[in-house]
């Protein structure tokens, strides 16, 4: 798990745009093994929250390759403190090995205008 705690604090509302990129490798004795990435902001799965999002797939002779992933999360205004910690979760299918190197995580926050709310999920 890769964590960035810059979002921790009171009054953090708005739209968070998270971009994660890394050199990745997925290896497995079985072709089509999947190595996945999921973005969480404040414990909320960022959208789109696809549970089968392949970051990299094991096929043939695996090699390191560059991959990127962008997700968003929205938090409506509130008076209490909010944990908006950004986390990257990684998972490999059974019998697969998932490697990441040279990764970069960017989190941008765009505050909501007064009286605005988060858009409805599609």
N, C-alpha and C. Protein backbone atom coordinates (compact mmCIF):
# COMPACT_ATOMS: atom_id res chain seq x y z
N UNK A 1 0.85 -1.17 0.00
CA UNK A 1 0.00 0.00 0.00
C UNK A 1 0.90 1.24 0.00
N UNK A 2 0.56 2.20 -0.81
CA UNK A 2 1.30 3.46 -0.90
C UNK A 2 0.40 4.55 -0.34
N UNK A 3 0.87 5.30 0.63
CA UNK A 3 0.01 6.28 1.31
C UNK A 3 0.58 7.68 1.21
N UNK A 4 -0.31 8.65 0.99
CA UNK A 4 0.05 10.06 1.01
C UNK A 4 -0.90 10.74 1.97
N UNK A 5 -0.41 11.31 3.07
CA UNK A 5 -1.29 11.87 4.09
C UNK A 5 -1.47 13.38 3.98
N UNK A 6 -1.19 13.97 2.82
CA UNK A 6 -1.32 15.42 2.70
C UNK A 6 -2.77 15.87 2.80
N UNK A 7 -3.73 14.99 2.57
CA UNK A 7 -5.13 15.36 2.64
C UNK A 7 -5.72 15.27 4.03
N UNK A 8 -4.96 14.89 5.01
CA UNK A 8 -5.50 14.71 6.36
C UNK A 8 -5.73 16.08 7.00
N UNK A 9 -6.95 16.30 7.47
CA UNK A 9 -7.21 17.56 8.16
C UNK A 9 -8.66 17.95 8.13
N UNK A 10 -8.98 19.05 8.76
CA UNK A 10 -10.37 19.53 8.86
C UNK A 10 -10.76 20.28 7.60
N UNK A 11 -12.02 20.16 7.24
CA UNK A 11 -12.57 20.96 6.16
C UNK A 11 -12.15 20.55 4.77
N UNK A 12 -11.61 19.36 4.60
CA UNK A 12 -11.23 18.94 3.26
C UNK A 12 -12.45 18.43 2.52
N UNK A 13 -12.94 19.25 1.62
CA UNK A 13 -14.05 18.87 0.77
C UNK A 13 -13.60 19.12 -0.66
N UNK A 14 -14.44 18.78 -1.60
CA UNK A 14 -14.14 19.05 -2.99
C UNK A 14 -13.88 17.80 -3.79
N UNK A 15 -13.43 18.02 -5.00
CA UNK A 15 -13.14 16.93 -5.92
C UNK A 15 -11.63 16.67 -5.87
N UNK A 16 -11.27 15.43 -5.59
CA UNK A 16 -9.87 15.01 -5.57
C UNK A 16 -9.60 14.23 -6.85
N UNK A 17 -8.60 14.66 -7.59
CA UNK A 17 -8.18 13.95 -8.80
C UNK A 17 -6.83 13.31 -8.47
N UNK A 18 -6.79 12.00 -8.57
CA UNK A 18 -5.60 11.23 -8.19
C UNK A 18 -5.03 10.58 -9.44
N UNK A 19 -3.74 10.82 -9.68
CA UNK A 19 -3.06 10.15 -10.78
C UNK A 19 -1.88 9.37 -10.22
N UNK A 20 -1.84 8.10 -10.57
CA UNK A 20 -0.76 7.21 -10.15
C UNK A 20 -0.14 6.60 -11.40
N UNK A 21 1.16 6.73 -11.51
CA UNK A 21 1.84 6.05 -12.62
C UNK A 21 3.07 5.35 -12.08
N UNK A 22 3.44 4.28 -12.76
CA UNK A 22 4.58 3.47 -12.30
C UNK A 22 5.04 2.58 -13.42
N UNK A 23 6.29 2.14 -13.30
CA UNK A 23 6.78 1.04 -14.11
C UNK A 23 6.29 -0.21 -13.38
N UNK A 24 5.65 -1.11 -14.13
CA UNK A 24 5.04 -2.28 -13.50
C UNK A 24 5.39 -3.55 -14.26
N UNK A 25 5.35 -4.65 -13.51
CA UNK A 25 5.54 -5.97 -14.11
C UNK A 25 4.58 -6.94 -13.41
N UNK A 26 3.98 -7.80 -14.19
CA UNK A 26 3.09 -8.83 -13.66
C UNK A 26 3.54 -10.14 -14.29
N UNK A 27 3.94 -11.08 -13.46
CA UNK A 27 4.40 -12.36 -14.00
C UNK A 27 3.64 -13.50 -13.35
N UNK A 28 3.41 -14.53 -14.14
CA UNK A 28 2.66 -15.68 -13.67
C UNK A 28 2.91 -16.85 -14.62
N UNK A 29 2.83 -18.07 -14.12
CA UNK A 29 2.95 -19.21 -15.02
C UNK A 29 1.72 -19.35 -15.94
N UNK A 30 0.66 -18.62 -15.64
CA UNK A 30 -0.58 -18.67 -16.43
C UNK A 30 -0.73 -17.35 -17.17
N UNK A 31 -0.92 -17.38 -18.50
CA UNK A 31 -1.19 -16.16 -19.26
C UNK A 31 -2.52 -15.55 -18.80
N UNK A 32 -2.62 -14.24 -18.90
CA UNK A 32 -3.80 -13.48 -18.52
C UNK A 32 -3.99 -13.31 -17.03
N UNK A 33 -2.98 -13.60 -16.22
CA UNK A 33 -3.07 -13.25 -14.80
C UNK A 33 -3.16 -11.73 -14.72
N UNK A 34 -3.84 -11.23 -13.72
CA UNK A 34 -4.12 -9.80 -13.61
C UNK A 34 -3.45 -9.21 -12.37
N UNK A 35 -2.84 -8.04 -12.55
CA UNK A 35 -2.31 -7.26 -11.44
C UNK A 35 -3.08 -5.94 -11.46
N UNK A 36 -3.82 -5.68 -10.39
CA UNK A 36 -4.76 -4.56 -10.33
C UNK A 36 -4.33 -3.49 -9.35
N UNK A 37 -4.86 -2.28 -9.58
CA UNK A 37 -4.63 -1.13 -8.72
C UNK A 37 -6.00 -0.54 -8.37
N UNK A 38 -6.17 -0.11 -7.12
CA UNK A 38 -7.40 0.56 -6.69
C UNK A 38 -7.00 1.79 -5.90
N UNK A 39 -7.67 2.92 -6.15
CA UNK A 39 -7.38 4.18 -5.47
C UNK A 39 -8.45 4.43 -4.43
N UNK A 40 -8.01 4.74 -3.19
CA UNK A 40 -8.93 5.13 -2.13
C UNK A 40 -8.57 6.53 -1.65
N UNK A 41 -9.58 7.34 -1.41
CA UNK A 41 -9.38 8.67 -0.83
C UNK A 41 -10.27 8.72 0.40
N UNK A 42 -9.66 8.87 1.57
CA UNK A 42 -10.43 8.87 2.82
C UNK A 42 -11.21 7.60 3.02
N UNK A 43 -10.69 6.47 2.55
CA UNK A 43 -11.36 5.19 2.69
C UNK A 43 -12.41 4.93 1.62
N UNK A 44 -12.71 5.92 0.80
CA UNK A 44 -13.72 5.80 -0.26
C UNK A 44 -13.03 5.38 -1.56
N UNK A 45 -13.60 4.38 -2.24
CA UNK A 45 -13.04 3.96 -3.52
C UNK A 45 -13.30 5.07 -4.54
N UNK A 46 -12.24 5.55 -5.17
CA UNK A 46 -12.35 6.62 -6.16
C UNK A 46 -12.98 6.08 -7.45
N UNK A 47 -13.63 6.97 -8.16
CA UNK A 47 -14.38 6.58 -9.36
C UNK A 47 -13.52 6.69 -10.62
N UNK A 48 -13.75 5.87 -11.62
CA UNK A 48 -14.67 4.74 -11.52
C UNK A 48 -14.06 3.64 -10.68
N UNK A 49 -14.86 3.02 -9.86
CA UNK A 49 -14.38 2.02 -8.90
C UNK A 49 -14.45 0.61 -9.43
N UNK A 50 -13.94 0.41 -10.61
CA UNK A 50 -13.97 -0.90 -11.26
C UNK A 50 -13.20 -1.91 -10.42
N UNK A 51 -13.83 -3.04 -10.13
CA UNK A 51 -13.16 -4.07 -9.33
C UNK A 51 -12.27 -4.97 -10.18
N UNK A 52 -12.34 -4.84 -11.49
CA UNK A 52 -11.51 -5.66 -12.38
C UNK A 52 -10.62 -4.76 -13.24
N UNK A 53 -10.11 -3.68 -12.66
CA UNK A 53 -9.28 -2.76 -13.41
C UNK A 53 -7.86 -3.33 -13.51
N UNK A 54 -7.50 -3.73 -14.69
CA UNK A 54 -6.17 -4.30 -14.91
C UNK A 54 -5.16 -3.18 -15.07
N UNK A 55 -4.21 -3.12 -14.17
CA UNK A 55 -3.12 -2.17 -14.30
C UNK A 55 -2.10 -2.73 -15.27
N UNK A 56 -1.83 -4.03 -15.13
CA UNK A 56 -0.92 -4.73 -16.02
C UNK A 56 -1.32 -6.21 -16.03
N UNK A 57 -1.14 -6.87 -17.15
CA UNK A 57 -1.52 -8.27 -17.32
C UNK A 57 -0.29 -9.11 -17.63
N UNK A 58 -0.25 -10.31 -17.06
CA UNK A 58 0.85 -11.24 -17.33
C UNK A 58 0.58 -11.97 -18.63
N UNK A 59 1.47 -11.78 -19.59
CA UNK A 59 1.37 -12.48 -20.88
C UNK A 59 2.77 -12.76 -21.39
N UNK A 60 2.97 -13.96 -21.87
CA UNK A 60 4.27 -14.30 -22.46
C UNK A 60 5.42 -14.04 -21.51
N UNK A 61 6.51 -13.53 -22.06
CA UNK A 61 7.67 -13.16 -21.24
C UNK A 61 7.46 -11.77 -20.66
N UNK A 62 7.18 -11.65 -19.36
CA UNK A 62 6.88 -10.34 -18.79
C UNK A 62 8.08 -9.39 -18.84
N UNK A 63 7.79 -8.13 -19.06
CA UNK A 63 8.80 -7.07 -19.05
C UNK A 63 8.24 -5.88 -18.29
N UNK A 64 9.12 -5.06 -17.74
CA UNK A 64 8.71 -3.82 -17.09
C UNK A 64 8.13 -2.89 -18.16
N UNK A 65 7.03 -2.22 -17.85
CA UNK A 65 6.42 -1.26 -18.76
C UNK A 65 5.74 -0.16 -17.95
N UNK A 66 5.59 1.01 -18.56
CA UNK A 66 5.00 2.17 -17.88
C UNK A 66 3.48 2.13 -17.98
N UNK A 67 2.81 2.46 -16.88
CA UNK A 67 1.35 2.45 -16.81
C UNK A 67 0.88 3.65 -15.99
N UNK A 68 -0.31 4.17 -16.30
CA UNK A 68 -0.89 5.28 -15.56
C UNK A 68 -2.35 5.02 -15.24
N UNK A 69 -2.85 5.68 -14.20
CA UNK A 69 -4.18 5.42 -13.68
C UNK A 69 -4.70 6.71 -13.05
N UNK A 70 -5.86 7.21 -13.48
CA UNK A 70 -6.44 8.43 -12.92
C UNK A 70 -7.84 8.14 -12.41
N UNK A 71 -8.12 8.56 -11.18
CA UNK A 71 -9.42 8.36 -10.55
C UNK A 71 -9.81 9.63 -9.81
N UNK A 72 -11.12 9.78 -9.51
CA UNK A 72 -11.60 10.96 -8.79
C UNK A 72 -12.47 10.53 -7.61
N UNK A 73 -12.52 11.41 -6.61
CA UNK A 73 -13.40 11.24 -5.45
C UNK A 73 -13.92 12.62 -5.08
N UNK A 74 -15.16 12.67 -4.60
CA UNK A 74 -15.75 13.96 -4.22
C UNK A 74 -16.28 13.87 -2.80
N UNK A 75 -16.01 14.90 -2.02
CA UNK A 75 -16.49 14.98 -0.65
C UNK A 75 -17.28 16.28 -0.48
N UNK A 76 -18.52 16.15 -0.03
CA UNK A 76 -19.36 17.32 0.23
C UNK A 76 -18.84 18.05 1.47
N UNK A 77 -19.09 19.36 1.59
CA UNK A 77 -18.64 20.11 2.77
C UNK A 77 -19.24 19.54 4.05
N UNK A 78 -18.44 19.58 5.11
CA UNK A 78 -18.90 19.20 6.46
C UNK A 78 -18.07 19.96 7.47
N UNK A 79 -18.56 20.03 8.70
CA UNK A 79 -17.86 20.79 9.74
C UNK A 79 -16.83 19.96 10.50
N UNK A 80 -17.01 18.64 10.54
CA UNK A 80 -16.09 17.78 11.27
C UNK A 80 -14.81 17.56 10.49
N UNK A 81 -13.79 17.11 11.20
CA UNK A 81 -12.53 16.75 10.54
C UNK A 81 -12.77 15.59 9.59
N UNK A 82 -12.01 15.57 8.53
CA UNK A 82 -12.14 14.50 7.55
C UNK A 82 -10.75 13.96 7.22
N UNK A 83 -10.67 12.66 7.13
CA UNK A 83 -9.43 12.02 6.69
C UNK A 83 -9.54 11.85 5.18
N UNK A 84 -8.74 12.59 4.44
CA UNK A 84 -8.74 12.48 2.99
C UNK A 84 -7.43 11.86 2.50
N UNK A 85 -6.88 10.96 3.32
CA UNK A 85 -5.65 10.28 2.95
C UNK A 85 -5.85 9.49 1.66
N UNK A 86 -4.91 9.61 0.77
CA UNK A 86 -4.96 8.87 -0.50
C UNK A 86 -4.12 7.60 -0.37
N UNK A 87 -4.73 6.49 -0.77
CA UNK A 87 -4.03 5.20 -0.71
C UNK A 87 -4.14 4.50 -2.06
N UNK A 88 -3.10 3.83 -2.43
CA UNK A 88 -3.09 2.99 -3.63
C UNK A 88 -3.00 1.55 -3.15
N UNK A 89 -4.01 0.75 -3.49
CA UNK A 89 -4.00 -0.66 -3.15
C UNK A 89 -3.64 -1.45 -4.40
N UNK A 90 -2.80 -2.45 -4.22
CA UNK A 90 -2.41 -3.30 -5.34
C UNK A 90 -2.78 -4.75 -5.01
N UNK A 91 -3.13 -5.48 -6.06
CA UNK A 91 -3.51 -6.88 -5.87
C UNK A 91 -3.12 -7.67 -7.11
N UNK A 92 -2.61 -8.86 -6.88
CA UNK A 92 -2.26 -9.76 -7.99
C UNK A 92 -3.13 -10.99 -7.91
N UNK A 93 -3.53 -11.53 -9.09
CA UNK A 93 -4.29 -12.77 -9.07
C UNK A 93 -3.42 -13.87 -8.46
N UNK A 94 -4.09 -14.96 -8.09
CA UNK A 94 -3.34 -16.05 -7.46
C UNK A 94 -2.23 -16.55 -8.39
N UNK A 95 -1.13 -16.88 -7.79
CA UNK A 95 0.07 -17.35 -8.49
C UNK A 95 0.75 -16.28 -9.33
N UNK A 96 0.35 -15.00 -9.19
CA UNK A 96 1.01 -13.93 -9.94
C UNK A 96 1.88 -13.11 -9.00
N UNK A 97 2.90 -12.51 -9.57
CA UNK A 97 3.80 -11.62 -8.84
C UNK A 97 3.67 -10.24 -9.47
N UNK A 98 3.46 -9.22 -8.62
CA UNK A 98 3.24 -7.85 -9.06
C UNK A 98 4.38 -6.99 -8.56
N UNK A 99 5.07 -6.32 -9.47
CA UNK A 99 6.17 -5.43 -9.08
C UNK A 99 5.91 -4.01 -9.56
N UNK A 100 6.25 -3.03 -8.72
CA UNK A 100 6.14 -1.61 -9.06
C UNK A 100 7.48 -0.95 -8.75
N UNK A 101 7.88 -0.04 -9.62
CA UNK A 101 9.08 0.76 -9.35
C UNK A 101 8.91 2.12 -10.01
N UNK A 102 9.71 3.07 -9.57
CA UNK A 102 9.70 4.43 -10.14
C UNK A 102 8.29 5.03 -10.17
N UNK A 103 7.51 4.80 -9.11
CA UNK A 103 6.13 5.28 -9.09
C UNK A 103 6.05 6.76 -8.72
N UNK A 104 4.93 7.36 -9.12
CA UNK A 104 4.66 8.76 -8.85
C UNK A 104 3.17 8.91 -8.55
N UNK A 105 2.86 9.61 -7.47
CA UNK A 105 1.47 9.82 -7.05
C UNK A 105 1.21 11.32 -7.00
N UNK A 106 0.18 11.78 -7.74
CA UNK A 106 -0.21 13.19 -7.72
C UNK A 106 -1.66 13.28 -7.28
N UNK A 107 -1.91 14.14 -6.29
CA UNK A 107 -3.27 14.37 -5.81
C UNK A 107 -3.57 15.85 -5.94
N UNK A 108 -4.62 16.16 -6.71
CA UNK A 108 -5.07 17.54 -6.86
C UNK A 108 -6.44 17.67 -6.20
N UNK A 109 -6.66 18.77 -5.50
CA UNK A 109 -7.94 19.02 -4.85
C UNK A 109 -8.55 20.28 -5.43
N UNK A 110 -9.79 20.16 -5.88
CA UNK A 110 -10.52 21.30 -6.41
C UNK A 110 -11.70 21.56 -5.48
N UNK A 111 -11.66 22.66 -4.70
CA UNK A 111 -12.73 22.92 -3.73
C UNK A 111 -14.08 23.11 -4.41
N UNK A 112 -15.12 22.75 -3.70
CA UNK A 112 -16.48 22.99 -4.21
C UNK A 112 -16.85 24.44 -3.97
N UNK A 113 -17.59 25.02 -4.89
CA UNK A 113 -18.08 26.38 -4.70
C UNK A 113 -19.14 26.39 -3.62
N UNK A 114 -19.34 27.53 -2.97
CA UNK A 114 -20.34 27.65 -1.92
C UNK A 114 -21.70 27.18 -2.43
N UNK A 115 -22.34 26.32 -1.67
CA UNK A 115 -23.67 25.82 -2.03
C UNK A 115 -23.64 24.65 -3.00
N UNK A 116 -22.48 24.29 -3.51
CA UNK A 116 -22.39 23.17 -4.47
C UNK A 116 -22.33 21.85 -3.73
N UNK A 117 -22.68 20.80 -4.43
CA UNK A 117 -22.58 19.46 -3.85
C UNK A 117 -21.87 18.56 -4.85
N UNK A 118 -21.54 17.38 -4.41
CA UNK A 118 -20.86 16.42 -5.28
C UNK A 118 -21.84 15.93 -6.34
N UNK A 119 -21.35 15.71 -7.54
CA UNK A 119 -22.23 15.18 -8.59
C UNK A 119 -22.67 13.75 -8.23
N UNK A 120 -23.84 13.38 -8.70
CA UNK A 120 -24.34 12.03 -8.46
C UNK A 120 -23.48 11.04 -9.23
N UNK A 121 -23.30 9.87 -8.65
CA UNK A 121 -22.53 8.82 -9.33
C UNK A 121 -23.31 8.31 -10.53
N UNK A 122 -22.60 8.02 -11.63
CA UNK A 122 -23.30 7.52 -12.82
C UNK A 122 -23.90 6.15 -12.61
